[in-house]
Protein backbone atom coordinates (compact mmCIF):
# COMPACT_ATOMS: atom_id res chain seq x y z
CA MET A 1 21.70 -6.12 -10.99
CA THR A 2 22.62 -9.49 -12.49
CA SER A 3 20.36 -10.67 -15.30
CA SER A 4 21.52 -14.29 -15.01
CA ASN A 5 18.18 -15.47 -13.56
CA PRO A 6 15.21 -13.50 -14.94
CA LEU A 7 12.77 -15.88 -13.22
CA GLY A 8 14.01 -14.54 -9.89
CA PHE A 9 11.99 -11.39 -10.52
CA LEU A 10 8.67 -13.26 -10.73
CA PRO A 11 8.07 -13.59 -6.96
CA TYR A 12 8.77 -9.89 -6.48
CA ILE A 13 6.33 -9.00 -9.27
CA LEU A 14 3.66 -11.26 -7.73
CA ILE A 15 4.21 -9.83 -4.24
CA TYR A 16 4.13 -6.30 -5.65
CA SER A 17 0.87 -6.90 -7.53
CA VAL A 18 -0.78 -8.50 -4.48
CA HIS A 19 0.32 -5.67 -2.20
CA LYS A 20 -0.79 -3.12 -4.81
CA SER A 21 -4.29 -4.64 -5.00
CA ARG A 22 -4.55 -4.75 -1.20
CA TYR A 23 -3.31 -1.18 -0.97
CA GLY A 24 -5.86 -0.10 -3.57
CA ARG A 25 -8.65 -1.63 -1.51
CA HIS A 26 -7.41 0.14 1.62
CA VAL A 27 -7.25 3.44 -0.27
CA LYS A 28 -10.88 3.01 -1.37
CA GLU A 29 -11.94 2.26 2.22
CA ILE A 30 -10.02 5.28 3.51
CA GLN A 31 -11.61 7.51 0.84
CA ILE A 32 -15.08 6.27 1.81
CA ASN A 33 -14.34 6.88 5.51
CA VAL A 34 -13.03 10.38 4.82
CA LEU A 35 -16.09 11.18 2.69
CA SER A 36 -18.46 9.97 5.41
CA ILE A 37 -16.59 11.94 8.09
CA LEU A 38 -16.61 15.07 5.93
CA SER A 39 -20.33 14.75 5.21
CA PHE A 40 -21.01 14.18 8.92
CA LEU A 41 -18.96 17.26 9.84
CA ALA A 42 -20.75 19.27 7.16
CA HIS A 43 -24.14 18.23 8.57
CA GLN A 44 -23.01 19.06 12.11
CA HIS A 45 -21.77 22.45 10.91
CA THR A 46 -25.01 23.29 9.11
CA PHE A 47 -27.09 22.23 12.12
CA SER A 48 -24.93 24.27 14.50
CA LEU A 49 -25.53 27.34 12.33
């Protein structure tokens, strides 16, 4: 790792932060989908009993 150009790290930090925010949004959507599927399965299970 050469520290001759510290500004070279800025694009990577920006890309990382953008991808992290997008990934966080996807994780929230996945959590919501999993919760809805689990609640749906729970309702199906209780009705089948």
